[in-house]
PDB file of N, CA and C in Angstrom:
ATOM      1  N   MET A   1     190.828 203.731 177.204  1.00  0.00           N
ATOM      2  CA  MET A   1     190.437 204.766 176.266  1.00  0.00           C
ATOM      3  C   MET A   1     190.831 204.339 174.852  1.00  0.00           C
ATOM      4  N   ARG A   2     189.947 204.563 173.908  1.00  0.00           N
ATOM      5  CA  ARG A   2     190.200 204.176 172.516  1.00  0.00           C
ATOM      6  C   ARG A   2     190.861 205.312 171.757  1.00  0.00           C
ATOM      7  N   ASN A   3     191.748 204.943 170.880  1.00  0.00           N
ATOM      8  CA  ASN A   3     192.353 205.919 169.971  1.00  0.00           C
ATOM      9  C   ASN A   3     191.758 205.706 168.593  1.00  0.00           C
ATOM     10  N   PHE A   4     191.165 206.747 168.037  1.00  0.00           N
ATOM     11  CA  PHE A   4     190.583 206.678 166.705  1.00  0.00           C
ATOM     12  C   PHE A   4     191.580 207.200 165.687  1.00  0.00           C
ATOM     13  N   GLU A   5     191.557 206.586 164.505  1.00  0.00           N
ATOM     14  CA  GLU A   5     192.481 207.012 163.452  1.00  0.00           C
ATOM     15  C   GLU A   5     192.115 208.368 162.895  1.00  0.00           C
ATOM     16  N   THR A   6     190.827 208.683 162.861  1.00  0.00           N
ATOM     17  CA  THR A   6     190.391 209.976 162.351  1.00  0.00           C
ATOM     18  C   THR A   6     189.495 210.642 163.383  1.00  0.00           C
ATOM     19  N   GLY A   7     189.645 211.927 163.472  1.00  0.00           N
ATOM     20  CA  GLY A   7     188.795 212.697 164.354  1.00  0.00           C
ATOM     21  C   GLY A   7     187.557 213.172 163.621  1.00  0.00           C
ATOM     22  N   PRO A   8     186.693 213.896 164.306  1.00  0.00           N
ATOM     23  CA  PRO A   8     185.463 214.373 163.683  1.00  0.00           C
ATOM     24  C   PRO A   8     185.695 215.268 162.467  1.00  0.00           C
ATOM     25  N   GLN A   9     186.702 216.110 162.531  1.00  0.00           N
ATOM     26  CA  GLN A   9     186.976 217.009 161.403  1.00  0.00           C
ATOM     27  C   GLN A   9     187.444 216.239 160.177  1.00  0.00           C
ATOM     28  N   GLU A  10     188.353 215.280 160.389  1.00  0.00           N
ATOM     29  CA  GLU A  10     188.852 214.486 159.272  1.00  0.00           C
ATOM     30  C   GLU A  10     187.742 213.628 158.676  1.00  0.00           C
ATOM     31  N   ALA A  11     186.898 213.068 159.530  1.00  0.00           N
ATOM     32  CA  ALA A  11     185.793 212.238 159.052  1.00  0.00           C
ATOM     33  C   ALA A  11     184.811 213.081 158.233  1.00  0.00           C
ATOM     34  N   GLY A  12     184.535 214.307 158.674  1.00  0.00           N
ATOM     35  CA  GLY A  12     183.645 215.201 157.938  1.00  0.00           C
ATOM     36  C   GLY A  12     184.220 215.576 156.588  1.00  0.00           C
ATOM     37  N   ALA A  13     185.507 215.858 156.546  1.00  0.00           N
ATOM     38  CA  ALA A  13     186.164 216.218 155.285  1.00  0.00           C
ATOM     39  C   ALA A  13     186.154 215.036 154.320  1.00  0.00           C
ATOM     40  N   LYS A  14     186.408 213.832 154.837  1.00  0.00           N
ATOM     41  CA  LYS A  14     186.391 212.637 153.986  1.00  0.00           C
ATOM     42  C   LYS A  14     184.988 212.389 153.448  1.00  0.00           C
ATOM     43  N   HIS A  15     183.982 212.588 154.273  1.00  0.00           N
ATOM     44  CA  HIS A  15     182.591 212.393 153.838  1.00  0.00           C
ATOM     45  C   HIS A  15     182.241 213.363 152.714  1.00  0.00           C
ATOM     46  N   LYS A  16     182.651 214.618 152.850  1.00  0.00           N
ATOM     47  CA  LYS A  16     182.377 215.615 151.808  1.00  0.00           C
ATOM     48  C   LYS A  16     183.101 215.263 150.513  1.00  0.00           C
ATOM     49  N   ALA A  17     184.345 214.800 150.622  1.00  0.00           N
ATOM     50  CA  ALA A  17     185.105 214.425 149.430  1.00  0.00           C
ATOM     51  C   ALA A  17     184.447 213.234 148.738  1.00  0.00           C
ATOM     52  N   ASP A  18     184.013 212.254 149.515  1.00  0.00           N
ATOM     53  CA  ASP A  18     183.326 211.094 148.935  1.00  0.00           C
ATOM     54  C   ASP A  18     182.029 211.523 148.250  1.00  0.00           C
ATOM     55  N   GLU A  19     181.313 212.446 148.865  1.00  0.00           N
ATOM     56  CA  GLU A  19     180.056 212.933 148.294  1.00  0.00           C
ATOM     57  C   GLU A  19     180.298 213.637 146.961  1.00  0.00           C
ATOM     58  N   ARG A  20     181.345 214.460 146.897  1.00  0.00           N
ATOM     59  CA  ARG A  20     181.688 215.152 145.645  1.00  0.00           C
ATOM     60  C   ARG A  20     182.083 214.161 144.561  1.00  0.00           C
ATOM     61  N   GLU A  21     182.848 213.133 144.932  1.00  0.00           N
ATOM     62  CA  GLU A  21     183.240 212.116 143.956  1.00  0.00           C
ATOM     63  C   GLU A  21     182.018 211.384 143.417  1.00  0.00           C
ATOM     64  N   ASN A  22     181.071 211.072 144.289  1.00  0.00           N
ATOM     65  CA  ASN A  22     179.839 210.398 143.862  1.00  0.00           C
ATOM     66  C   ASN A  22     179.021 211.297 142.940  1.00  0.00           C
ATOM     67  N   GLU A  23     178.926 212.583 143.262  1.00  0.00           N
ATOM     68  CA  GLU A  23     178.185 213.517 142.414  1.00  0.00           C
ATOM     69  C   GLU A  23     178.841 213.632 141.042  1.00  0.00           C
ATOM     70  N   ARG A  24     180.154 213.710 141.026  1.00  0.00           N
ATOM     71  CA  ARG A  24     180.881 213.815 139.761  1.00  0.00           C
ATOM     72  C   ARG A  24     180.669 212.558 138.916  1.00  0.00           C
ATOM     73  N   ALA A  25     180.757 211.396 139.544  1.00  0.00           N
ATOM     74  CA  ALA A  25     180.550 210.136 138.820  1.00  0.00           C
ATOM     75  C   ALA A  25     179.135 210.066 138.254  1.00  0.00           C
ATOM     76  N   ALA A  26     178.159 210.536 139.032  1.00  0.00           N
ATOM     77  CA  ALA A  26     176.771 210.523 138.555  1.00  0.00           C
ATOM     78  C   ALA A  26     176.595 211.460 137.364  1.00  0.00           C
ATOM     79  N   LEU A  27     177.213 212.631 137.415  1.00  0.00           N
ATOM     80  CA  LEU A  27     177.130 213.566 136.289  1.00  0.00           C
ATOM     81  C   LEU A  27     177.812 212.999 135.047  1.00  0.00           C
ATOM     82  N   GLU A  28     178.971 212.390 135.225  1.00  0.00           N
ATOM     83  CA  GLU A  28     179.666 211.790 134.090  1.00  0.00           C
ATOM     84  C   GLU A  28     178.816 210.685 133.472  1.00  0.00           C
ATOM     85  N   ALA A  29     178.182 209.880 134.306  1.00  0.00           N
ATOM     86  CA  ALA A  29     177.324 208.807 133.795  1.00  0.00           C
ATOM     87  C   ALA A  29     176.134 209.384 133.039  1.00  0.00           C
ATOM     88  N   ALA A  30     175.549 210.460 133.553  1.00  0.00           N
ATOM     89  CA  ALA A  30     174.408 211.088 132.879  1.00  0.00           C
ATOM     90  C   ALA A  30     174.823 211.667 131.532  1.00  0.00           C
ATOM     91  N   ILE A  31     175.973 212.293 131.473  1.00  0.00           N
ATOM     92  CA  ILE A  31     176.480 212.849 130.215  1.00  0.00           C
ATOM     93  C   ILE A  31     176.714 211.729 129.212  1.00  0.00           C
ATOM     94  N   ASN A  32     177.383 210.667 129.647  1.00  0.00           N
ATOM     95  CA  ASN A  32     177.650 209.545 128.742  1.00  0.00           C
ATOM     96  C   ASN A  32     176.360 208.905 128.257  1.00  0.00           C
ATOM     97  N   TYR A  33     175.370 208.789 129.126  1.00  0.00           N
ATOM     98  CA  TYR A  33     174.082 208.213 128.737  1.00  0.00           C
ATOM     99  C   TYR A  33     173.391 209.105 127.704  1.00  0.00           C
ATOM    100  N   ALA A  34     173.404 210.411 127.933  1.00  0.00           N
ATOM    101  CA  ALA A  34     172.772 211.341 126.991  1.00  0.00           C
ATOM    102  C   ALA A  34     173.429 211.263 125.614  1.00  0.00           C
ATOM    103  N   ILE A  35     174.743 211.192 125.578  1.00  0.00           N
ATOM    104  CA  ILE A  35     175.464 211.107 124.304  1.00  0.00           C
ATOM    105  C   ILE A  35     175.174 209.768 123.624  1.00  0.00           C
ATOM    106  N   GLN A  36     175.128 208.685 124.409  1.00  0.00           N
ATOM    107  CA  GLN A  36     174.813 207.378 123.830  1.00  0.00           C
ATOM    108  C   GLN A  36     173.408 207.378 123.224  1.00  0.00           C
ATOM    109  N   CYS A  37     172.450 207.962 123.927  1.00  0.00           N
ATOM    110  CA  CYS A  37     171.077 208.062 123.395  1.00  0.00           C
ATOM    111  C   CYS A  37     171.058 208.893 122.117  1.00  0.00           C
ATOM    112  N   ALA A  38     171.829 209.979 122.090  1.00  0.00           N
ATOM    113  CA  ALA A  38     171.891 210.825 120.896  1.00  0.00           C
ATOM    114  C   ALA A  38     172.488 210.052 119.727  1.00  0.00           C
ATOM    115  N   ARG A  39     173.507 209.234 120.002  1.00  0.00           N
ATOM    116  CA  ARG A  39     174.104 208.417 118.941  1.00  0.00           C
ATOM    117  C   ARG A  39     173.077 207.444 118.373  1.00  0.00           C
ATOM    118  N   GLU A  40     172.347 206.802 119.273  1.00  0.00           N
ATOM    119  CA  GLU A  40     171.388 205.776 118.848  1.00  0.00           C
ATOM    120  C   GLU A  40     170.221 206.373 118.052  1.00  0.00           C
ATOM    121  N   THR A  41     169.844 207.607 118.361  1.00  0.00           N
ATOM    122  CA  THR A  41     168.716 208.228 117.663  1.00  0.00           C
ATOM    123  C   THR A  41     169.167 209.219 116.600  1.00  0.00           C
ATOM    124  N   ASP A  42     170.478 209.420 116.485  1.00  0.00           N
ATOM    125  CA  ASP A  42     171.064 210.324 115.500  1.00  0.00           C
ATOM    126  C   ASP A  42     170.521 211.754 115.638  1.00  0.00           C
ATOM    127  N   ILE A  43     170.396 212.203 116.888  1.00  0.00           N
ATOM    128  CA  ILE A  43     169.878 213.548 117.152  1.00  0.00           C
ATOM    129  C   ILE A  43     170.874 214.631 116.745  1.00  0.00           C
ATOM    130  N   LEU A  44     172.102 214.492 117.161  1.00  0.00           N
ATOM    131  CA  LEU A  44     173.096 215.549 116.941  1.00  0.00           C
ATOM    132  C   LEU A  44     174.025 215.286 115.769  1.00  0.00           C
ATOM    133  N   GLY A  45     173.781 214.262 115.035  1.00  0.00           N
ATOM    134  CA  GLY A  45     174.709 213.905 113.975  1.00  0.00           C
ATOM    135  C   GLY A  45     175.551 212.741 114.439  1.00  0.00           C
ATOM    136  N   ALA A  46     176.715 212.607 113.881  1.00  0.00           N
ATOM    137  CA  ALA A  46     177.534 211.457 114.239  1.00  0.00           C
ATOM    138  C   ALA A  46     178.965 211.858 114.523  1.00  0.00           C
ATOM    139  N   GLY A  47     179.649 210.964 115.190  1.00  0.00           N
ATOM    140  CA  GLY A  47     181.087 211.062 115.356  1.00  0.00           C
ATOM    141  C   GLY A  47     181.570 212.254 116.148  1.00  0.00           C
ATOM    142  N   ASP A  48     182.350 213.100 115.473  1.00  0.00           N
ATOM    143  CA  ASP A  48     183.050 214.187 116.133  1.00  0.00           C
ATOM    144  C   ASP A  48     182.108 215.184 116.802  1.00  0.00           C
ATOM    145  N   SER A  49     180.954 215.462 116.207  1.00  0.00           N
ATOM    146  CA  SER A  49     180.046 216.434 116.808  1.00  0.00           C
ATOM    147  C   SER A  49     179.497 215.937 118.141  1.00  0.00           C
ATOM    148  N   LEU A  50     179.250 214.639 118.259  1.00  0.00           N
ATOM    149  CA  LEU A  50     178.790 214.082 119.535  1.00  0.00           C
ATOM    150  C   LEU A  50     179.900 214.122 120.577  1.00  0.00           C
ATOM    151  N   GLU A  51     181.102 213.812 120.162  1.00  0.00           N
ATOM    152  CA  GLU A  51     182.230 213.878 121.099  1.00  0.00           C
ATOM    153  C   GLU A  51     182.451 215.314 121.557  1.00  0.00           C
ATOM    154  N   GLN A  52     182.317 216.267 120.662  1.00  0.00           N
ATOM    155  CA  GLN A  52     182.443 217.679 121.028  1.00  0.00           C
ATOM    156  C   GLN A  52     181.333 218.071 121.997  1.00  0.00           C
ATOM    157  N   ALA A  53     180.126 217.599 121.770  1.00  0.00           N
ATOM    158  CA  ALA A  53     179.013 217.884 122.679  1.00  0.00           C
ATOM    159  C   ALA A  53     179.291 217.305 124.057  1.00  0.00           C
ATOM    160  N   ARG A  54     179.835 216.082 124.107  1.00  0.00           N
ATOM    161  CA  ARG A  54     180.170 215.466 125.389  1.00  0.00           C
ATOM    162  C   ARG A  54     181.225 216.273 126.131  1.00  0.00           C
ATOM    163  N   LEU A  55     182.256 216.715 125.402  1.00  0.00           N
ATOM    164  CA  LEU A  55     183.308 217.519 126.019  1.00  0.00           C
ATOM    165  C   LEU A  55     182.765 218.840 126.549  1.00  0.00           C
ATOM    166  N   ASN A  56     181.901 219.481 125.774  1.00  0.00           N
ATOM    167  CA  ASN A  56     181.312 220.760 126.216  1.00  0.00           C
ATOM    168  C   ASN A  56     180.446 220.572 127.460  1.00  0.00           C
ATOM    169  N   LEU A  57     179.633 219.516 127.477  1.00  0.00           N
ATOM    170  CA  LEU A  57     178.810 219.236 128.660  1.00  0.00           C
ATOM    171  C   LEU A  57     179.699 218.954 129.868  1.00  0.00           C
ATOM    172  N   SER A  58     180.729 218.182 129.667  1.00  0.00           N
ATOM    173  CA  SER A  58     181.642 217.857 130.774  1.00  0.00           C
ATOM    174  C   SER A  58     182.297 219.116 131.329  1.00  0.00           C
ATOM    175  N   ARG A  59     182.782 219.970 130.454  1.00  0.00           N
ATOM    176  CA  ARG A  59     183.403 221.220 130.912  1.00  0.00           C
ATOM    177  C   ARG A  59     182.415 222.090 131.665  1.00  0.00           C
ATOM    178  N   ALA A  60     181.198 222.197 131.144  1.00  0.00           N
ATOM    179  CA  ALA A  60     180.202 223.058 131.758  1.00  0.00           C
ATOM    180  C   ALA A  60     179.754 222.553 133.128  1.00  0.00           C
ATOM    181  N   LEU A  61     179.598 221.248 133.250  1.00  0.00           N
ATOM    182  CA  LEU A  61     179.055 220.700 134.497  1.00  0.00           C
ATOM    183  C   LEU A  61     180.090 220.307 135.522  1.00  0.00           C
ATOM    184  N   LEU A  62     181.268 219.937 135.093  1.00  0.00           N
ATOM    185  CA  LEU A  62     182.241 219.356 136.013  1.00  0.00           C
ATOM    186  C   LEU A  62     183.377 220.284 136.405  1.00  0.00           C
ATOM    187  N   THR A  63     183.406 221.490 135.850  1.00  0.00           N
ATOM    188  CA  THR A  63     184.484 222.407 136.255  1.00  0.00           C
ATOM    189  C   THR A  63     183.938 223.556 137.041  1.00  0.00           C
TER     190      THR A  63
END
């Protein structure tokens, strides 16, 4: 008989945690890409206003 390190419940919980981490990373990448595009096209202005926009998007989407 084989002994597994994780049972079905632990494996399911780990899968969900990995999925959430991947979703969060994808959202962070999308936010950073949007801000970079805004910088390059000067849509929102420069400097601090773009950083503030990034922080607001991050708070809204990731919390």
